Amino acid sequence: MPMREPELTPSRVAMAVLAVTIVLVTGAAVASPRVAIVALAVFALAGAGARVFARASRAFVVRSRTTDVSVLLVFGVVLAYLGLTTPLG
């Protein structure tokens, strides 16, 4: 009997994204905002990469793949730029 991949439901994906975002925002409040902003940028860029390589059957599809990847790439690059260049006290 072939092994089946675990089912990745939209609610599990949403909970994972929410959990990581809460950890990063909490890290910003406790430690360094710069590190948290850059981590959010990396998270957005990783999401864009995951969306590029995810099969259509495994992706939670609301918009086209091109739209998702473009938005996540722009968001990640802007966050990285702001995190690395904005003086944070």
PDB file of N, CA and C in Angstrom:
ATOM      1  N   MET A   1       0.848  -1.174   0.000  1.00  0.00           N
ATOM      2  CA  MET A   1       0.000   0.000   0.000  1.00  0.00           C
ATOM      3  C   MET A   1       0.898   1.243   0.000  1.00  0.00           C
ATOM      4  N   PRO A   2       0.734   2.152  -0.971  1.00  0.00           N
ATOM      5  CA  PRO A   2       1.593   3.337  -1.024  1.00  0.00           C
ATOM      6  C   PRO A   2       1.283   4.294   0.122  1.00  0.00           C
ATOM      7  N   MET A   3       2.322   4.992   0.550  1.00  0.00           N
ATOM      8  CA  MET A   3       2.140   5.957   1.634  1.00  0.00           C
ATOM      9  C   MET A   3       1.499   7.218   1.072  1.00  0.00           C
ATOM     10  N   ARG A   4       0.549   7.737   1.773  1.00  0.00           N
ATOM     11  CA  ARG A   4      -0.112   8.971   1.364  1.00  0.00           C
ATOM     12  C   ARG A   4       0.520  10.140   2.089  1.00  0.00           C
ATOM     13  N   GLU A   5       0.598  11.261   1.389  1.00  0.00           N
ATOM     14  CA  GLU A   5       1.093  12.472   2.031  1.00  0.00           C
ATOM     15  C   GLU A   5       0.018  12.979   2.980  1.00  0.00           C
ATOM     16  N   PRO A   6       0.426  13.566   4.107  1.00  0.00           N
ATOM     17  CA  PRO A   6      -0.587  14.107   5.016  1.00  0.00           C
ATOM     18  C   PRO A   6      -1.356  15.235   4.335  1.00  0.00           C
ATOM     19  N   GLU A   7      -2.632  15.281   4.619  1.00  0.00           N
ATOM     20  CA  GLU A   7      -3.464  16.299   3.995  1.00  0.00           C
ATOM     21  C   GLU A   7      -3.170  17.658   4.623  1.00  0.00           C
ATOM     22  N   LEU A   8      -2.888  18.627   3.772  1.00  0.00           N
ATOM     23  CA  LEU A   8      -2.566  19.975   4.226  1.00  0.00           C
ATOM     24  C   LEU A   8      -3.788  20.851   3.974  1.00  0.00           C
ATOM     25  N   THR A   9      -4.555  21.072   5.008  1.00  0.00           N
ATOM     26  CA  THR A   9      -5.789  21.826   4.839  1.00  0.00           C
ATOM     27  C   THR A   9      -5.514  23.318   4.984  1.00  0.00           C
ATOM     28  N   PRO A  10      -6.359  24.150   4.391  1.00  0.00           N
ATOM     29  CA  PRO A  10      -6.174  25.599   4.513  1.00  0.00           C
ATOM     30  C   PRO A  10      -6.144  26.072   5.967  1.00  0.00           C
ATOM     31  N   SER A  11      -6.918  25.432   6.837  1.00  0.00           N
ATOM     32  CA  SER A  11      -6.924  25.869   8.239  1.00  0.00           C
ATOM     33  C   SER A  11      -5.580  25.565   8.910  1.00  0.00           C
ATOM     34  N   ARG A  12      -4.938  24.447   8.562  1.00  0.00           N
ATOM     35  CA  ARG A  12      -3.616  24.139   9.130  1.00  0.00           C
ATOM     36  C   ARG A  12      -2.576  25.133   8.641  1.00  0.00           C
ATOM     37  N   VAL A  13      -2.645  25.478   7.371  1.00  0.00           N
ATOM     38  CA  VAL A  13      -1.712  26.463   6.825  1.00  0.00           C
ATOM     39  C   VAL A  13      -1.924  27.812   7.497  1.00  0.00           C
ATOM     40  N   ALA A  14      -3.164  28.223   7.641  1.00  0.00           N
ATOM     41  CA  ALA A  14      -3.470  29.500   8.281  1.00  0.00           C
ATOM     42  C   ALA A  14      -2.979  29.526   9.729  1.00  0.00           C
ATOM     43  N   MET A  15      -3.149  28.425  10.451  1.00  0.00           N
ATOM     44  CA  MET A  15      -2.686  28.372  11.847  1.00  0.00           C
ATOM     45  C   MET A  15      -1.161  28.443  11.915  1.00  0.00           C
ATOM     46  N   ALA A  16      -0.479  27.778  10.987  1.00  0.00           N
ATOM     47  CA  ALA A  16       0.983  27.812  10.984  1.00  0.00           C
ATOM     48  C   ALA A  16       1.495  29.216  10.677  1.00  0.00           C
ATOM     49  N   VAL A  17       0.900  29.867   9.701  1.00  0.00           N
ATOM     50  CA  VAL A  17       1.311  31.234   9.355  1.00  0.00           C
ATOM     51  C   VAL A  17       1.030  32.175  10.515  1.00  0.00           C
ATOM     52  N   LEU A  18      -0.107  32.054  11.138  1.00  0.00           N
ATOM     53  CA  LEU A  18      -0.450  32.898  12.277  1.00  0.00           C
ATOM     54  C   LEU A  18       0.511  32.670  13.437  1.00  0.00           C
ATOM     55  N   ALA A  19       0.858  31.429  13.701  1.00  0.00           N
ATOM     56  CA  ALA A  19       1.773  31.122  14.805  1.00  0.00           C
ATOM     57  C   ALA A  19       3.156  31.723  14.561  1.00  0.00           C
ATOM     58  N   VAL A  20       3.672  31.577  13.363  1.00  0.00           N
ATOM     59  CA  VAL A  20       4.998  32.138  13.052  1.00  0.00           C
ATOM     60  C   VAL A  20       4.961  33.652  13.127  1.00  0.00           C
ATOM     61  N   THR A  21       3.901  34.267  12.628  1.00  0.00           N
ATOM     62  CA  THR A  21       3.781  35.722  12.676  1.00  0.00           C
ATOM     63  C   THR A  21       3.717  36.220  14.116  1.00  0.00           C
ATOM     64  N   ILE A  22       2.975  35.536  14.967  1.00  0.00           N
ATOM     65  CA  ILE A  22       2.895  35.930  16.380  1.00  0.00           C
ATOM     66  C   ILE A  22       4.266  35.817  17.043  1.00  0.00           C
ATOM     67  N   VAL A  23       4.992  34.743  16.757  1.00  0.00           N
ATOM     68  CA  VAL A  23       6.335  34.579  17.321  1.00  0.00           C
ATOM     69  C   VAL A  23       7.244  35.714  16.869  1.00  0.00           C
ATOM     70  N   LEU A  24       7.204  36.066  15.598  1.00  0.00           N
ATOM     71  CA  LEU A  24       8.071  37.130  15.087  1.00  0.00           C
ATOM     72  C   LEU A  24       7.702  38.498  15.659  1.00  0.00           C
ATOM     73  N   VAL A  25       6.417  38.787  15.766  1.00  0.00           N
ATOM     74  CA  VAL A  25       5.993  40.074  16.328  1.00  0.00           C
ATOM     75  C   VAL A  25       6.345  40.139  17.817  1.00  0.00           C
ATOM     76  N   THR A  26       6.182  39.037  18.529  1.00  0.00           N
ATOM     77  CA  THR A  26       6.579  38.992  19.936  1.00  0.00           C
ATOM     78  C   THR A  26       8.088  39.187  20.065  1.00  0.00           C
ATOM     79  N   GLY A  27       8.837  38.574  19.174  1.00  0.00           N
ATOM     80  CA  GLY A  27      10.290  38.768  19.159  1.00  0.00           C
ATOM     81  C   GLY A  27      10.661  40.218  18.922  1.00  0.00           C
ATOM     82  N   ALA A  28       9.892  40.901  18.084  1.00  0.00           N
ATOM     83  CA  ALA A  28      10.151  42.322  17.839  1.00  0.00           C
ATOM     84  C   ALA A  28       9.904  43.144  19.101  1.00  0.00           C
ATOM     85  N   ALA A  29       8.858  42.795  19.830  1.00  0.00           N
ATOM     86  CA  ALA A  29       8.541  43.551  21.046  1.00  0.00           C
ATOM     87  C   ALA A  29       9.555  43.287  22.147  1.00  0.00           C
ATOM     88  N   VAL A  30      10.043  42.062  22.237  1.00  0.00           N
ATOM     89  CA  VAL A  30      10.951  41.685  23.310  1.00  0.00           C
ATOM     90  C   VAL A  30      12.403  41.997  22.976  1.00  0.00           C
ATOM     91  N   ALA A  31      12.818  41.648  21.789  1.00  0.00           N
ATOM     92  CA  ALA A  31      14.242  41.756  21.441  1.00  0.00           C
ATOM     93  C   ALA A  31      14.492  42.933  20.510  1.00  0.00           C
ATOM     94  N   SER A  32      14.628  42.652  19.236  1.00  0.00           N
ATOM     95  CA  SER A  32      15.026  43.665  18.272  1.00  0.00           C
ATOM     96  C   SER A  32      14.008  43.780  17.147  1.00  0.00           C
ATOM     97  N   PRO A  33      13.455  44.972  16.950  1.00  0.00           N
ATOM     98  CA  PRO A  33      12.516  45.151  15.837  1.00  0.00           C
ATOM     99  C   PRO A  33      13.171  44.885  14.482  1.00  0.00           C
ATOM    100  N   ARG A  34      14.432  45.250  14.341  1.00  0.00           N
ATOM    101  CA  ARG A  34      15.121  45.048  13.068  1.00  0.00           C
ATOM    102  C   ARG A  34      15.185  43.561  12.710  1.00  0.00           C
ATOM    103  N   VAL A  35      15.536  42.745  13.670  1.00  0.00           N
ATOM    104  CA  VAL A  35      15.624  41.301  13.419  1.00  0.00           C
ATOM    105  C   VAL A  35      14.259  40.742  13.054  1.00  0.00           C
ATOM    106  N   ALA A  36      13.219  41.189  13.729  1.00  0.00           N
ATOM    107  CA  ALA A  36      11.875  40.694  13.447  1.00  0.00           C
ATOM    108  C   ALA A  36      11.402  41.135  12.064  1.00  0.00           C
ATOM    109  N   ILE A  37      11.714  42.358  11.669  1.00  0.00           N
ATOM    110  CA  ILE A  37      11.303  42.840  10.343  1.00  0.00           C
ATOM    111  C   ILE A  37      12.016  42.056   9.248  1.00  0.00           C
ATOM    112  N   VAL A  38      13.291  41.834   9.424  1.00  0.00           N
ATOM    113  CA  VAL A  38      14.036  41.051   8.434  1.00  0.00           C
ATOM    114  C   VAL A  38      13.531  39.598   8.426  1.00  0.00           C
ATOM    115  N   ALA A  39      13.194  39.064   9.586  1.00  0.00           N
ATOM    116  CA  ALA A  39      12.651  37.699   9.639  1.00  0.00           C
ATOM    117  C   ALA A  39      11.299  37.623   8.927  1.00  0.00           C
ATOM    118  N   LEU A  40      10.458  38.655   9.084  1.00  0.00           N
ATOM    119  CA  LEU A  40       9.192  38.689   8.351  1.00  0.00           C
ATOM    120  C   LEU A  40       9.440  38.753   6.846  1.00  0.00           C
ATOM    121  N   ALA A  41      10.477  39.482   6.438  1.00  0.00           N
ATOM    122  CA  ALA A  41      10.827  39.544   5.016  1.00  0.00           C
ATOM    123  C   ALA A  41      11.245  38.168   4.509  1.00  0.00           C
ATOM    124  N   VAL A  42      12.053  37.484   5.286  1.00  0.00           N
ATOM    125  CA  VAL A  42      12.489  36.137   4.896  1.00  0.00           C
ATOM    126  C   VAL A  42      11.283  35.199   4.840  1.00  0.00           C
ATOM    127  N   PHE A  43      10.379  35.345   5.775  1.00  0.00           N
ATOM    128  CA  PHE A  43       9.160  34.542   5.815  1.00  0.00           C
ATOM    129  C   PHE A  43       8.319  34.788   4.562  1.00  0.00           C
ATOM    130  N   ALA A  44       8.182  36.049   4.140  1.00  0.00           N
ATOM    131  CA  ALA A  44       7.422  36.377   2.928  1.00  0.00           C
ATOM    132  C   ALA A  44       8.108  35.810   1.690  1.00  0.00           C
ATOM    133  N   LEU A  45       9.430  35.929   1.625  1.00  0.00           N
ATOM    134  CA  LEU A  45      10.166  35.388   0.484  1.00  0.00           C
ATOM    135  C   LEU A  45      10.087  33.863   0.444  1.00  0.00           C
ATOM    136  N   ALA A  46      10.116  33.231   1.602  1.00  0.00           N
ATOM    137  CA  ALA A  46       9.961  31.774   1.659  1.00  0.00           C
ATOM    138  C   ALA A  46       8.559  31.367   1.202  1.00  0.00           C
ATOM    139  N   GLY A  47       7.572  32.168   1.556  1.00  0.00           N
ATOM    140  CA  GLY A  47       6.208  31.902   1.097  1.00  0.00           C
ATOM    141  C   GLY A  47       6.088  32.011  -0.412  1.00  0.00           C
ATOM    142  N   ALA A  48       6.784  32.985  -0.983  1.00  0.00           N
ATOM    143  CA  ALA A  48       6.785  33.118  -2.448  1.00  0.00           C
ATOM    144  C   ALA A  48       7.434  31.897  -3.088  1.00  0.00           C
ATOM    145  N   GLY A  49       8.539  31.454  -2.515  1.00  0.00           N
ATOM    146  CA  GLY A  49       9.200  30.261  -3.044  1.00  0.00           C
ATOM    147  C   GLY A  49       8.337  29.021  -2.905  1.00  0.00           C
ATOM    148  N   ALA A  50       7.667  28.901  -1.783  1.00  0.00           N
ATOM    149  CA  ALA A  50       6.783  27.751  -1.579  1.00  0.00           C
ATOM    150  C   ALA A  50       5.628  27.774  -2.571  1.00  0.00           C
ATOM    151  N   ARG A  51       5.124  28.948  -2.848  1.00  0.00           N
ATOM    152  CA  ARG A  51       4.004  29.069  -3.794  1.00  0.00           C
ATOM    153  C   ARG A  51       4.441  28.729  -5.222  1.00  0.00           C
ATOM    154  N   VAL A  52       5.688  29.048  -5.554  1.00  0.00           N
ATOM    155  CA  VAL A  52       6.199  28.727  -6.888  1.00  0.00           C
ATOM    156  C   VAL A  52       6.286  27.217  -7.080  1.00  0.00           C
ATOM    157  N   PHE A  53       6.778  26.514  -6.078  1.00  0.00           N
ATOM    158  CA  PHE A  53       7.058  25.091  -6.230  1.00  0.00           C
ATOM    159  C   PHE A  53       5.941  24.169  -5.751  1.00  0.00           C
ATOM    160  N   ALA A  54       4.919  24.709  -5.102  1.00  0.00           N
ATOM    161  CA  ALA A  54       3.824  23.867  -4.624  1.00  0.00           C
ATOM    162  C   ALA A  54       2.961  23.409  -5.799  1.00  0.00           C
ATOM    163  N   ARG A  55       2.602  22.149  -5.770  1.00  0.00           N
ATOM    164  CA  ARG A  55       1.692  21.641  -6.794  1.00  0.00           C
ATOM    165  C   ARG A  55       0.328  22.283  -6.612  1.00  0.00           C
ATOM    166  N   ALA A  56      -0.393  22.399  -7.691  1.00  0.00           N
ATOM    167  CA  ALA A  56      -1.709  23.035  -7.639  1.00  0.00           C
ATOM    168  C   ALA A  56      -2.655  22.287  -6.699  1.00  0.00           C
ATOM    169  N   SER A  57      -2.494  20.973  -6.601  1.00  0.00           N
ATOM    170  CA  SER A  57      -3.371  20.197  -5.734  1.00  0.00           C
ATOM    171  C   SER A  57      -3.059  20.416  -4.248  1.00  0.00           C
ATOM    172  N   ARG A  58      -1.848  20.891  -3.937  1.00  0.00           N
ATOM    173  CA  ARG A  58      -1.450  21.101  -2.541  1.00  0.00           C
ATOM    174  C   ARG A  58      -1.613  22.551  -2.099  1.00  0.00           C
ATOM    175  N   ALA A  59      -1.860  23.441  -3.037  1.00  0.00           N
ATOM    176  CA  ALA A  59      -1.922  24.863  -2.710  1.00  0.00           C
ATOM    177  C   ALA A  59      -3.354  25.284  -2.392  1.00  0.00           C
ATOM    178  N   PHE A  60      -3.465  26.193  -1.463  1.00  0.00           N
ATOM    179  CA  PHE A  60      -4.750  26.814  -1.161  1.00  0.00           C
ATOM    180  C   PHE A  60      -4.898  27.962  -2.149  1.00  0.00           C
ATOM    181  N   VAL A  61      -5.719  27.771  -3.168  1.00  0.00           N
ATOM    182  CA  VAL A  61      -5.759  28.695  -4.299  1.00  0.00           C
ATOM    183  C   VAL A  61      -6.944  29.644  -4.171  1.00  0.00           C
ATOM    184  N   VAL A  62      -6.642  30.929  -4.118  1.00  0.00           N
ATOM    185  CA  VAL A  62      -7.654  31.970  -4.169  1.00  0.00           C
ATOM    186  C   VAL A  62      -7.366  32.875  -5.370  1.00  0.00           C
ATOM    187  N   ARG A  63      -6.086  33.190  -5.560  1.00  0.00           N
ATOM    188  CA  ARG A  63      -5.651  34.020  -6.677  1.00  0.00           C
ATOM    189  C   ARG A  63      -4.731  33.189  -7.561  1.00  0.00           C
ATOM    190  N   SER A  64      -4.327  33.789  -8.651  1.00  0.00           N
ATOM    191  CA  SER A  64      -3.401  33.075  -9.527  1.00  0.00           C
ATOM    192  C   SER A  64      -2.028  32.980  -8.866  1.00  0.00           C
ATOM    193  N   ARG A  65      -1.258  32.015  -9.282  1.00  0.00           N
ATOM    194  CA  ARG A  65       0.088  31.809  -8.742  1.00  0.00           C
ATOM    195  C   ARG A  65       0.964  33.033  -9.000  1.00  0.00           C
ATOM    196  N   THR A  66       0.836  33.621 -10.185  1.00  0.00           N
ATOM    197  CA  THR A  66       1.636  34.797 -10.537  1.00  0.00           C
ATOM    198  C   THR A  66       1.350  35.961  -9.597  1.00  0.00           C
ATOM    199  N   THR A  67       0.095  36.185  -9.286  1.00  0.00           N
ATOM    200  CA  THR A  67      -0.283  37.268  -8.371  1.00  0.00           C
ATOM    201  C   THR A  67       0.286  37.022  -6.981  1.00  0.00           C
ATOM    202  N   ASP A  68       0.114  35.811  -6.471  1.00  0.00           N
ATOM    203  CA  ASP A  68       0.620  35.484  -5.133  1.00  0.00           C
ATOM    204  C   ASP A  68       2.133  35.679  -5.039  1.00  0.00           C
ATOM    205  N   VAL A  69       2.852  35.133  -6.001  1.00  0.00           N
ATOM    206  CA  VAL A  69       4.313  35.212  -5.968  1.00  0.00           C
ATOM    207  C   VAL A  69       4.773  36.651  -6.107  1.00  0.00           C
ATOM    208  N   SER A  70       4.159  37.407  -7.005  1.00  0.00           N
ATOM    209  CA  SER A  70       4.555  38.805  -7.205  1.00  0.00           C
ATOM    210  C   SER A  70       4.347  39.638  -5.939  1.00  0.00           C
ATOM    211  N   VAL A  71       3.184  39.486  -5.325  1.00  0.00           N
ATOM    212  CA  VAL A  71       2.883  40.249  -4.114  1.00  0.00           C
ATOM    213  C   VAL A  71       3.837  39.872  -2.981  1.00  0.00           C
ATOM    214  N   LEU A  72       4.074  38.573  -2.779  1.00  0.00           N
ATOM    215  CA  LEU A  72       4.968  38.141  -1.714  1.00  0.00           C
ATOM    216  C   LEU A  72       6.410  38.578  -1.962  1.00  0.00           C
ATOM    217  N   LEU A  73       6.854  38.532  -3.218  1.00  0.00           N
ATOM    218  CA  LEU A  73       8.213  38.985  -3.526  1.00  0.00           C
ATOM    219  C   LEU A  73       8.380  40.482  -3.256  1.00  0.00           C
ATOM    220  N   VAL A  74       7.441  41.284  -3.723  1.00  0.00           N
ATOM    221  CA  VAL A  74       7.518  42.733  -3.490  1.00  0.00           C
ATOM    222  C   VAL A  74       7.457  43.027  -1.999  1.00  0.00           C
ATOM    223  N   PHE A  75       6.548  42.386  -1.289  1.00  0.00           N
ATOM    224  CA  PHE A  75       6.412  42.594   0.148  1.00  0.00           C
ATOM    225  C   PHE A  75       7.700  42.202   0.883  1.00  0.00           C
ATOM    226  N   GLY A  76       8.272  41.061   0.525  1.00  0.00           N
ATOM    227  CA  GLY A  76       9.507  40.608   1.165  1.00  0.00           C
ATOM    228  C   GLY A  76      10.679  41.530   0.891  1.00  0.00           C
ATOM    229  N   VAL A  77      10.820  41.977  -0.345  1.00  0.00           N
ATOM    230  CA  VAL A  77      11.933  42.869  -0.696  1.00  0.00           C
ATOM    231  C   VAL A  77      11.780  44.213   0.007  1.00  0.00           C
ATOM    232  N   VAL A  78      10.574  44.768   0.031  1.00  0.00           N
ATOM    233  CA  VAL A  78      10.350  46.062   0.702  1.00  0.00           C
ATOM    234  C   VAL A  78      10.600  45.928   2.205  1.00  0.00           C
ATOM    235  N   LEU A  79      10.116  44.860   2.810  1.00  0.00           N
ATOM    236  CA  LEU A  79      10.365  44.661   4.242  1.00  0.00           C
ATOM    237  C   LEU A  79      11.855  44.519   4.530  1.00  0.00           C
ATOM    238  N   ALA A  80      12.557  43.766   3.704  1.00  0.00           N
ATOM    239  CA  ALA A  80      13.999  43.595   3.904  1.00  0.00           C
ATOM    240  C   ALA A  80      14.720  44.937   3.763  1.00  0.00           C
ATOM    241  N   TYR A  81      14.363  45.703   2.755  1.00  0.00           N
ATOM    242  CA  TYR A  81      14.988  47.015   2.556  1.00  0.00           C
ATOM    243  C   TYR A  81      14.735  47.926   3.763  1.00  0.00           C
ATOM    244  N   LEU A  82      13.484  47.993   4.186  1.00  0.00           N
ATOM    245  CA  LEU A  82      13.156  48.864   5.330  1.00  0.00           C
ATOM    246  C   LEU A  82      13.812  48.359   6.617  1.00  0.00           C
ATOM    247  N   GLY A  83      13.839  47.062   6.804  1.00  0.00           N
ATOM    248  CA  GLY A  83      14.456  46.505   8.013  1.00  0.00           C
ATOM    249  C   GLY A  83      15.944  46.756   8.078  1.00  0.00           C
ATOM    250  N   LEU A  84      16.590  46.770   6.925  1.00  0.00           N
ATOM    251  CA  LEU A  84      18.043  46.955   6.902  1.00  0.00           C
ATOM    252  C   LEU A  84      18.485  48.401   6.835  1.00  0.00           C
ATOM    253  N   THR A  85      17.606  49.311   6.398  1.00  0.00           N
ATOM    254  CA  THR A  85      18.029  50.708   6.228  1.00  0.00           C
ATOM    255  C   THR A  85      17.392  51.688   7.199  1.00  0.00           C
ATOM    256  N   THR A  86      16.297  51.348   7.827  1.00  0.00           N
ATOM    257  CA  THR A  86      15.627  52.268   8.738  1.00  0.00           C
ATOM    258  C   THR A  86      16.275  52.209  10.118  1.00  0.00           C
ATOM    259  N   PRO A  87      16.696  53.370  10.639  1.00  0.00           N
ATOM    260  CA  PRO A  87      17.276  53.356  11.989  1.00  0.00           C
ATOM    261  C   PRO A  87      16.183  53.114  13.037  1.00  0.00           C
ATOM    262  N   LEU A  88      16.330  52.045  13.766  1.00  0.00           N
ATOM    263  CA  LEU A  88      15.365  51.700  14.804  1.00  0.00           C
ATOM    264  C   LEU A  88      16.052  51.805  16.147  1.00  0.00           C
ATOM    265  N   GLY A  89      15.475  52.576  17.035  1.00  0.00           N
ATOM    266  CA  GLY A  89      16.092  52.873  18.297  1.00  0.00           C
ATOM    267  C   GLY A  89      16.127  51.773  19.234  1.00  0.00           C
TER     268      GLY A  89
END
